[in-house]
Amino acid sequence: ESVKTTGEKTSHWKAKAPLGTSVEWDAEVTSDVEGEKIGWKSAEIAEVPNSGVVEFRETKNRGTEVRVTLTY
């Protein structure tokens, strides 16, 4: 539903959940390599603890391949 920046490496997330509910959590960027990857982890008190990384890889003919690894 929304993402708000709360600091240089922190943000607050709100997402839709089943049965018309929503979940919210704070997250921190754990790695940021420009043009290559962005990693994050949720704060320890998150309703749904999560972490992950988004990786970007250039392809010869199709632009950019995006790979997301999410753990919750």
Protein backbone atom coordinates (compact mmCIF):
# COMPACT_ATOMS: atom_id res chain seq x y z
CA GLU A 1 0.00 0.00 0.00
CA SER A 2 2.79 2.44 0.86
CA VAL A 3 6.48 2.95 1.60
CA LYS A 4 7.75 6.01 3.46
CA THR A 5 11.39 6.98 3.91
CA THR A 6 12.15 7.47 7.60
CA GLY A 7 15.92 7.94 7.50
CA GLU A 8 18.97 7.62 5.26
CA LYS A 9 18.75 3.81 5.28
CA THR A 10 15.35 3.19 6.89
CA SER A 11 11.74 3.07 5.72
CA HIS A 12 8.23 2.20 6.92
CA TRP A 13 6.19 -0.28 4.85
CA LYS A 14 2.47 -1.03 4.77
CA ALA A 15 1.11 -3.95 2.71
CA LYS A 16 -2.28 -5.49 2.09
CA ALA A 17 -2.87 -8.83 3.80
CA PRO A 18 -5.62 -11.47 3.58
CA LEU A 19 -9.19 -10.77 4.70
CA GLY A 20 -8.98 -7.02 4.12
CA THR A 21 -6.26 -6.49 6.72
CA SER A 22 -2.84 -4.92 6.41
CA VAL A 23 0.59 -5.39 7.97
CA GLU A 24 3.22 -2.75 8.73
CA TRP A 25 6.93 -2.90 9.48
CA ASP A 26 10.10 -0.85 9.54
CA ALA A 27 13.05 -1.91 7.38
CA GLU A 28 16.72 -1.04 7.06
CA VAL A 29 18.91 -1.21 3.95
CA THR A 30 21.73 -3.68 4.65
CA SER A 31 23.56 -3.43 1.33
CA ASP A 32 23.37 -1.06 -1.62
CA VAL A 33 25.65 -1.51 -4.61
CA GLU A 34 24.57 0.94 -7.30
CA GLY A 35 23.31 -0.84 -10.40
CA GLU A 36 23.85 -4.28 -8.84
CA LYS A 37 21.84 -4.97 -5.69
CA ILE A 38 19.85 -3.67 -2.75
CA GLY A 39 19.48 -5.72 0.44
CA TRP A 40 17.22 -5.12 3.45
CA LYS A 41 15.99 -6.56 6.72
CA SER A 42 12.97 -5.71 8.81
CA ALA A 43 13.22 -4.39 12.34
CA GLU A 44 13.13 -7.10 15.01
CA ILE A 45 9.64 -6.07 16.14
CA ALA A 46 8.06 -6.44 12.67
CA GLU A 47 4.65 -8.16 12.49
CA VAL A 48 6.07 -10.30 9.67
CA PRO A 49 9.86 -10.45 10.01
CA ASN A 50 11.47 -10.39 6.55
CA SER A 51 14.71 -9.81 4.69
CA GLY A 52 15.90 -10.04 1.15
CA VAL A 53 17.88 -8.76 -1.75
CA VAL A 54 17.01 -7.41 -5.20
CA GLU A 55 19.73 -8.04 -7.80
CA PHE A 56 20.00 -6.35 -11.20
CA ARG A 57 21.81 -7.95 -14.15
CA GLU A 58 22.16 -6.48 -17.61
CA THR A 59 21.26 -8.78 -20.49
CA LYS A 60 22.48 -8.57 -24.07
CA ASN A 61 19.08 -8.23 -25.73
CA ARG A 62 16.39 -7.76 -23.09
CA GLY A 63 17.40 -4.86 -20.89
CA THR A 64 17.78 -5.72 -17.20
CA GLU A 65 17.04 -9.01 -15.44
CA VAL A 66 15.72 -8.48 -11.88
CA ARG A 67 16.04 -11.24 -9.29
CA VAL A 68 14.31 -10.97 -5.91
CA THR A 69 15.12 -13.23 -2.96
CA LEU A 70 12.67 -12.77 -0.06
CA THR A 71 12.67 -14.57 3.26
CA TYR A 72 9.88 -14.23 5.82
